[in-house]
Amino acid sequence: MTSGFRAELRIREPPSCQVAAATESAGDAAAVTWGGDGATVTEEVTLPSDADPDGMEEVFSDGDRSVYRFDRPADQACVCEVIEQHGAPIRDVRGEDGRLHVTFHVEDVATLRELVGQLRETTGGVSLERLTQSATAGGDRNLVLVDRAALTDRQREVLETAHELGYFARPKGANATEVADALGISRSTFAEHLAAAQSKLLDAVLDGDG
């Protein structure tokens, strides 16, 4: 079996995304679907029944949740379509507090890195929330799971800032003091957060019983 990956990205401030915008006031969104005729894309999203999102029409309700529909130009920027252009069909989309969580399958890390880089050019921020790698048939484990949900918000911020500044690069783009200054914390506090985050990630990767 060919090894591949399942990735979940958290995308902050996706441009021109009515689904993400609706979640800022209407509540969490789920079951996002779309299709079109080439010029127009029709999207449907499930929201709380009392959401009344701007620019959307309610087309179905089961009492607590309703399906809302809206149209947008096909050439309007869409993060999901950017992902699919890299040969990674979307598996699931949900939204909360103005952010999108998008899950998809991708063949290799190089493709994932390329599409994340493209998204970061136009969005407020992209974070890898979860990455699951499939293993070859007959291996001891079928999945190797790295779950960023195990990290606190502060630990994520420390890792992301350190990575963005090149702390993990060789040669280093920034030292511990420079990363700590960027975070507004002391070097010792940075070291504590970094050690705790790395320990959690290593536990997830090396735990053979998980």
C-alpha atoms as a PDB file:
ATOM      1  CA  MET A   1       0.000   0.000   0.000  1.00  0.00           C
ATOM      2  CA  THR A   2       1.286   3.454  -0.865  1.00  0.00           C
ATOM      3  CA  SER A   3       1.978   5.595   2.187  1.00  0.00           C
ATOM      4  CA  GLY A   4      -0.027   8.803   2.371  1.00  0.00           C
ATOM      5  CA  PHE A   5      -1.275  11.342   4.886  1.00  0.00           C
ATOM      6  CA  ARG A   6      -4.529  12.659   6.324  1.00  0.00           C
ATOM      7  CA  ALA A   7      -4.142  16.295   7.307  1.00  0.00           C
ATOM      8  CA  GLU A   8      -6.363  18.681   9.234  1.00  0.00           C
ATOM      9  CA  LEU A   9      -5.604  22.372   8.792  1.00  0.00           C
ATOM     10  CA  ARG A  10      -6.955  25.233  10.876  1.00  0.00           C
ATOM     11  CA  ILE A  11      -7.255  28.300   8.645  1.00  0.00           C
ATOM     12  CA  ARG A  12      -7.699  31.699  10.267  1.00  0.00           C
ATOM     13  CA  GLU A  13      -9.363  34.542   8.337  1.00  0.00           C
ATOM     14  CA  PRO A  14      -9.852  32.706   5.022  1.00  0.00           C
ATOM     15  CA  PRO A  15     -10.430  35.391   2.373  1.00  0.00           C
ATOM     16  CA  SER A  16     -13.964  35.912   1.062  1.00  0.00           C
ATOM     17  CA  CYS A  17     -15.247  32.833   2.912  1.00  0.00           C
ATOM     18  CA  GLN A  18     -18.919  33.281   3.821  1.00  0.00           C
ATOM     19  CA  VAL A  19     -18.921  30.067   5.855  1.00  0.00           C
ATOM     20  CA  ALA A  20     -16.122  31.239   8.148  1.00  0.00           C
ATOM     21  CA  ALA A  21     -17.653  34.715   8.397  1.00  0.00           C
ATOM     22  CA  ALA A  22     -21.020  33.237   9.436  1.00  0.00           C
ATOM     23  CA  THR A  23     -19.463  31.325  12.347  1.00  0.00           C
ATOM     24  CA  GLU A  24     -18.309  34.550  14.008  1.00  0.00           C
ATOM     25  CA  SER A  25     -21.896  35.286  15.045  1.00  0.00           C
ATOM     26  CA  ALA A  26     -24.055  32.331  14.005  1.00  0.00           C
ATOM     27  CA  GLY A  27     -22.283  29.435  15.711  1.00  0.00           C
ATOM     28  CA  ASP A  28     -20.338  26.406  14.528  1.00  0.00           C
ATOM     29  CA  ALA A  29     -20.713  25.251  10.917  1.00  0.00           C
ATOM     30  CA  ALA A  30     -20.599  21.689   9.603  1.00  0.00           C
ATOM     31  CA  ALA A  31     -21.319  19.633   6.495  1.00  0.00           C
ATOM     32  CA  VAL A  32     -20.085  22.170   3.963  1.00  0.00           C
ATOM     33  CA  THR A  33     -20.705  21.080   0.354  1.00  0.00           C
ATOM     34  CA  TRP A  34     -20.346  22.836  -2.983  1.00  0.00           C
ATOM     35  CA  GLY A  35     -20.779  22.443  -6.722  1.00  0.00           C
ATOM     36  CA  GLY A  36     -21.299  24.642  -9.754  1.00  0.00           C
ATOM     37  CA  ASP A  37     -21.708  25.152 -13.464  1.00  0.00           C
ATOM     38  CA  GLY A  38     -18.357  26.806 -14.165  1.00  0.00           C
ATOM     39  CA  ALA A  39     -19.396  30.411 -13.622  1.00  0.00           C
ATOM     40  CA  THR A  40     -21.157  30.111 -10.270  1.00  0.00           C
ATOM     41  CA  VAL A  41     -20.535  27.900  -7.253  1.00  0.00           C
ATOM     42  CA  THR A  42     -23.431  26.955  -4.976  1.00  0.00           C
ATOM     43  CA  GLU A  43     -22.508  26.110  -1.394  1.00  0.00           C
ATOM     44  CA  GLU A  44     -24.544  24.612   1.430  1.00  0.00           C
ATOM     45  CA  VAL A  45     -23.640  24.658   5.114  1.00  0.00           C
ATOM     46  CA  THR A  46     -25.309  23.412   8.293  1.00  0.00           C
ATOM     47  CA  LEU A  47     -25.676  26.009  11.068  1.00  0.00           C
ATOM     48  CA  PRO A  48     -27.908  26.522  14.120  1.00  0.00           C
ATOM     49  CA  SER A  49     -31.513  27.091  13.014  1.00  0.00           C
ATOM     50  CA  ASP A  50     -31.596  30.594  14.457  1.00  0.00           C
ATOM     51  CA  ALA A  51     -28.354  31.640  12.712  1.00  0.00           C
ATOM     52  CA  ASP A  52     -29.895  33.787   9.936  1.00  0.00           C
ATOM     53  CA  PRO A  53     -26.499  34.328   8.221  1.00  0.00           C
ATOM     54  CA  ASP A  54     -26.136  37.239   5.811  1.00  0.00           C
ATOM     55  CA  GLY A  55     -26.458  36.355   2.142  1.00  0.00           C
ATOM     56  CA  MET A  56     -27.678  32.783   2.764  1.00  0.00           C
ATOM     57  CA  GLU A  57     -31.072  31.149   2.250  1.00  0.00           C
ATOM     58  CA  GLU A  58     -32.446  28.475   4.579  1.00  0.00           C
ATOM     59  CA  VAL A  59     -33.375  25.396   2.504  1.00  0.00           C
ATOM     60  CA  PHE A  60     -33.931  22.722   5.165  1.00  0.00           C
ATOM     61  CA  SER A  61     -34.314  22.449   8.949  1.00  0.00           C
ATOM     62  CA  ASP A  62     -34.640  19.591  11.433  1.00  0.00           C
ATOM     63  CA  GLY A  63     -35.459  21.916  14.323  1.00  0.00           C
ATOM     64  CA  ASP A  64     -32.101  22.612  15.958  1.00  0.00           C
ATOM     65  CA  ARG A  65     -29.935  22.803  12.836  1.00  0.00           C
ATOM     66  CA  SER A  66     -30.646  24.182   9.383  1.00  0.00           C
ATOM     67  CA  VAL A  67     -29.049  23.908   5.973  1.00  0.00           C
ATOM     68  CA  TYR A  68     -28.300  27.285   4.375  1.00  0.00           C
ATOM     69  CA  ARG A  69     -27.439  27.863   0.716  1.00  0.00           C
ATOM     70  CA  PHE A  70     -25.639  30.664  -1.107  1.00  0.00           C
ATOM     71  CA  ASP A  71     -24.018  31.324  -4.485  1.00  0.00           C
ATOM     72  CA  ARG A  72     -20.627  32.846  -5.198  1.00  0.00           C
ATOM     73  CA  PRO A  73     -18.602  33.547  -8.359  1.00  0.00           C
ATOM     74  CA  ALA A  74     -16.460  30.584  -9.401  1.00  0.00           C
ATOM     75  CA  ASP A  75     -13.374  32.800  -9.617  1.00  0.00           C
ATOM     76  CA  GLN A  76     -13.717  34.001  -6.005  1.00  0.00           C
ATOM     77  CA  ALA A  77     -10.838  32.869  -3.786  1.00  0.00           C
ATOM     78  CA  CYS A  78     -11.633  29.662  -1.863  1.00  0.00           C
ATOM     79  CA  VAL A  79      -9.176  27.832   0.388  1.00  0.00           C
ATOM     80  CA  CYS A  80     -10.864  24.475  -0.219  1.00  0.00           C
ATOM     81  CA  GLU A  81     -10.404  24.819  -3.973  1.00  0.00           C
ATOM     82  CA  VAL A  82      -6.739  25.749  -3.470  1.00  0.00           C
ATOM     83  CA  ILE A  83      -6.275  22.487  -1.568  1.00  0.00           C
ATOM     84  CA  GLU A  84      -8.083  20.448  -4.226  1.00  0.00           C
ATOM     85  CA  GLN A  85      -5.945  22.008  -6.964  1.00  0.00           C
ATOM     86  CA  HIS A  86      -3.047  20.119  -5.382  1.00  0.00           C
ATOM     87  CA  GLY A  87      -4.788  16.789  -5.976  1.00  0.00           C
ATOM     88  CA  ALA A  88      -6.168  16.575  -2.419  1.00  0.00           C
ATOM     89  CA  PRO A  89      -9.976  16.173  -2.398  1.00  0.00           C
ATOM     90  CA  ILE A  90     -11.608  17.649   0.705  1.00  0.00           C
ATOM     91  CA  ARG A  91     -12.902  15.044   3.170  1.00  0.00           C
ATOM     92  CA  ASP A  92     -14.492  17.354   5.753  1.00  0.00           C
ATOM     93  CA  VAL A  93     -14.978  21.085   6.406  1.00  0.00           C
ATOM     94  CA  ARG A  94     -16.247  22.693   9.589  1.00  0.00           C
ATOM     95  CA  GLY A  95     -16.073  26.207  10.953  1.00  0.00           C
ATOM     96  CA  GLU A  96     -15.963  27.932  14.314  1.00  0.00           C
ATOM     97  CA  ASP A  97     -15.249  31.466  15.507  1.00  0.00           C
ATOM     98  CA  GLY A  98     -14.313  32.702  12.037  1.00  0.00           C
ATOM     99  CA  ARG A  99     -11.915  29.804  11.350  1.00  0.00           C
ATOM    100  CA  LEU A 100     -12.134  26.804   9.052  1.00  0.00           C
ATOM    101  CA  HIS A 101     -10.988  23.284   9.905  1.00  0.00           C
ATOM    102  CA  VAL A 102     -10.361  21.364   6.688  1.00  0.00           C
ATOM    103  CA  THR A 103      -9.496  17.658   6.510  1.00  0.00           C
ATOM    104  CA  PHE A 104      -8.108  16.014   3.369  1.00  0.00           C
ATOM    105  CA  HIS A 105      -5.775  13.298   2.114  1.00  0.00           C
ATOM    106  CA  VAL A 106      -2.470  14.086   0.459  1.00  0.00           C
ATOM    107  CA  GLU A 107       0.107  11.794  -1.116  1.00  0.00           C
ATOM    108  CA  ASP A 108       3.283  13.250   0.361  1.00  0.00           C
ATOM    109  CA  VAL A 109       4.700  15.882   2.683  1.00  0.00           C
ATOM    110  CA  ALA A 110       6.133  17.896  -0.211  1.00  0.00           C
ATOM    111  CA  THR A 111       2.632  18.455  -1.621  1.00  0.00           C
ATOM    112  CA  LEU A 112       1.304  19.339   1.834  1.00  0.00           C
ATOM    113  CA  ARG A 113       4.105  21.855   2.340  1.00  0.00           C
ATOM    114  CA  GLU A 114       3.436  23.416  -1.066  1.00  0.00           C
ATOM    115  CA  LEU A 115      -0.298  23.885  -0.540  1.00  0.00           C
ATOM    116  CA  VAL A 116       0.187  25.224   3.004  1.00  0.00           C
ATOM    117  CA  GLY A 117       2.674  27.729   1.621  1.00  0.00           C
ATOM    118  CA  GLN A 118       0.179  28.871  -0.997  1.00  0.00           C
ATOM    119  CA  LEU A 119      -2.582  29.258   1.601  1.00  0.00           C
ATOM    120  CA  ARG A 120      -0.323  31.307   3.860  1.00  0.00           C
ATOM    121  CA  GLU A 121       0.135  33.854   1.068  1.00  0.00           C
ATOM    122  CA  THR A 122      -3.525  34.879   1.241  1.00  0.00           C
ATOM    123  CA  THR A 123      -4.921  33.925   4.675  1.00  0.00           C
ATOM    124  CA  GLY A 124      -4.544  35.227   8.199  1.00  0.00           C
ATOM    125  CA  GLY A 125      -2.819  32.055   9.328  1.00  0.00           C
ATOM    126  CA  VAL A 126      -2.608  28.304   8.703  1.00  0.00           C
ATOM    127  CA  SER A 127      -1.898  25.706  11.390  1.00  0.00           C
ATOM    128  CA  LEU A 128      -1.484  21.959  11.027  1.00  0.00           C
ATOM    129  CA  GLU A 129      -3.832  20.565  13.686  1.00  0.00           C
ATOM    130  CA  ARG A 130      -3.432  16.865  12.978  1.00  0.00           C
ATOM    131  CA  LEU A 131      -1.349  14.714  10.660  1.00  0.00           C
ATOM    132  CA  THR A 132      -1.984  10.982  10.326  1.00  0.00           C
ATOM    133  CA  GLN A 133       0.357   8.844   8.238  1.00  0.00           C
ATOM    134  CA  SER A 134      -0.744   5.505   6.812  1.00  0.00           C
ATOM    135  CA  ALA A 135       1.730   2.641   7.111  1.00  0.00           C
ATOM    136  CA  THR A 136       2.469  -0.221   4.736  1.00  0.00           C
ATOM    137  CA  ALA A 137       0.318  -3.326   5.022  1.00  0.00           C
ATOM    138  CA  GLY A 138       1.608  -5.877   7.487  1.00  0.00           C
ATOM    139  CA  GLY A 139       3.279  -3.323   9.730  1.00  0.00           C
ATOM    140  CA  ASP A 140       2.947  -3.404  13.502  1.00  0.00           C
ATOM    141  CA  ARG A 141       0.699  -0.348  13.387  1.00  0.00           C
ATOM    142  CA  ASN A 142      -1.707   0.838  10.723  1.00  0.00           C
ATOM    143  CA  LEU A 143      -1.509   4.513  11.653  1.00  0.00           C
ATOM    144  CA  VAL A 144       1.015   6.890  13.110  1.00  0.00           C
ATOM    145  CA  LEU A 145      -0.846   9.840  14.637  1.00  0.00           C
ATOM    146  CA  VAL A 146       0.442  13.274  15.512  1.00  0.00           C
ATOM    147  CA  ASP A 147      -2.313  15.273  17.266  1.00  0.00           C
ATOM    148  CA  ARG A 148      -1.621  18.938  17.980  1.00  0.00           C
ATOM    149  CA  ALA A 149      -4.741  19.066  20.150  1.00  0.00           C
ATOM    150  CA  ALA A 150      -2.544  17.611  22.915  1.00  0.00           C
ATOM    151  CA  LEU A 151      -0.695  20.945  23.074  1.00  0.00           C
ATOM    152  CA  THR A 152      -1.882  23.991  24.971  1.00  0.00           C
ATOM    153  CA  ASP A 153      -2.486  27.198  23.016  1.00  0.00           C
ATOM    154  CA  ARG A 154       0.731  28.650  24.453  1.00  0.00           C
ATOM    155  CA  GLN A 155       2.762  25.585  23.490  1.00  0.00           C
ATOM    156  CA  ARG A 156       1.417  25.793  19.939  1.00  0.00           C
ATOM    157  CA  GLU A 157       2.307  29.474  19.770  1.00  0.00           C
ATOM    158  CA  VAL A 158       5.843  28.753  20.976  1.00  0.00           C
ATOM    159  CA  LEU A 159       6.370  25.997  18.404  1.00  0.00           C
ATOM    160  CA  GLU A 160       4.856  28.007  15.556  1.00  0.00           C
ATOM    161  CA  THR A 161       6.888  31.126  16.363  1.00  0.00           C
ATOM    162  CA  ALA A 162      10.098  29.146  16.732  1.00  0.00           C
ATOM    163  CA  HIS A 163       9.467  27.442  13.408  1.00  0.00           C
ATOM    164  CA  GLU A 164       8.581  30.667  11.591  1.00  0.00           C
ATOM    165  CA  LEU A 165      11.732  32.383  12.857  1.00  0.00           C
ATOM    166  CA  GLY A 166      13.930  29.456  11.812  1.00  0.00           C
ATOM    167  CA  TYR A 167      14.851  28.202  15.292  1.00  0.00           C
ATOM    168  CA  PHE A 168      14.743  24.571  14.099  1.00  0.00           C
ATOM    169  CA  ALA A 169      16.561  25.255  10.813  1.00  0.00           C
ATOM    170  CA  ARG A 170      20.183  24.400  10.143  1.00  0.00           C
ATOM    171  CA  PRO A 171      21.830  26.848  10.277  1.00  0.00           C
ATOM    172  CA  LYS A 172      19.490  28.520  12.763  1.00  0.00           C
ATOM    173  CA  GLY A 173      17.538  31.539  11.626  1.00  0.00           C
ATOM    174  CA  ALA A 174      17.030  32.661  15.232  1.00  0.00           C
ATOM    175  CA  ASN A 175      18.350  31.678  18.646  1.00  0.00           C
ATOM    176  CA  ALA A 176      16.365  31.032  21.833  1.00  0.00           C
ATOM    177  CA  THR A 177      16.708  34.625  23.043  1.00  0.00           C
ATOM    178  CA  GLU A 178      15.376  36.031  19.755  1.00  0.00           C
ATOM    179  CA  VAL A 179      12.386  33.680  19.762  1.00  0.00           C
ATOM    180  CA  ALA A 180      11.660  34.501  23.417  1.00  0.00           C
ATOM    181  CA  ASP A 181      11.797  38.218  22.631  1.00  0.00           C
ATOM    182  CA  ALA A 182       9.345  37.745  19.751  1.00  0.00           C
ATOM    183  CA  LEU A 183       6.978  35.952  22.140  1.00  0.00           C
ATOM    184  CA  GLY A 184       7.440  38.544  24.884  1.00  0.00           C
ATOM    185  CA  ILE A 185       8.668  35.971  27.416  1.00  0.00           C
ATOM    186  CA  SER A 186      11.962  35.142  29.097  1.00  0.00           C
ATOM    187  CA  ARG A 187      14.427  32.691  27.579  1.00  0.00           C
ATOM    188  CA  SER A 188      13.868  30.253  30.466  1.00  0.00           C
ATOM    189  CA  THR A 189      10.090  30.358  30.004  1.00  0.00           C
ATOM    190  CA  PHE A 190      10.522  29.750  26.279  1.00  0.00           C
ATOM    191  CA  ALA A 191      12.724  26.737  27.062  1.00  0.00           C
ATOM    192  CA  GLU A 192      10.115  25.337  29.468  1.00  0.00           C
ATOM    193  CA  HIS A 193       7.254  25.657  26.967  1.00  0.00           C
ATOM    194  CA  LEU A 194       9.387  24.226  24.160  1.00  0.00           C
ATOM    195  CA  ALA A 195      10.492  21.230  26.227  1.00  0.00           C
ATOM    196  CA  ALA A 196       6.910  20.467  27.298  1.00  0.00           C
ATOM    197  CA  ALA A 197       5.605  20.710  23.725  1.00  0.00           C
ATOM    198  CA  GLN A 198       8.379  18.570  22.287  1.00  0.00           C
ATOM    199  CA  SER A 199       7.848  15.968  25.005  1.00  0.00           C
ATOM    200  CA  LYS A 200       4.138  15.672  24.154  1.00  0.00           C
ATOM    201  CA  LEU A 201       4.852  15.341  20.439  1.00  0.00           C
ATOM    202  CA  LEU A 202       7.544  12.724  21.007  1.00  0.00           C
ATOM    203  CA  ASP A 203       5.234  10.766  23.299  1.00  0.00           C
ATOM    204  CA  ALA A 204       2.644  10.650  20.503  1.00  0.00           C
ATOM    205  CA  VAL A 205       5.210   9.522  17.893  1.00  0.00           C
ATOM    206  CA  LEU A 206       7.137   7.001  20.012  1.00  0.00           C
ATOM    207  CA  ASP A 207       4.335   5.458  22.063  1.00  0.00           C
ATOM    208  CA  GLY A 208       3.978   2.010  20.544  1.00  0.00           C
ATOM    209  CA  ASP A 209       0.804   1.284  22.488  1.00  0.00           C
ATOM    210  CA  GLY A 210      -1.153   4.344  21.173  1.00  0.00           C
END
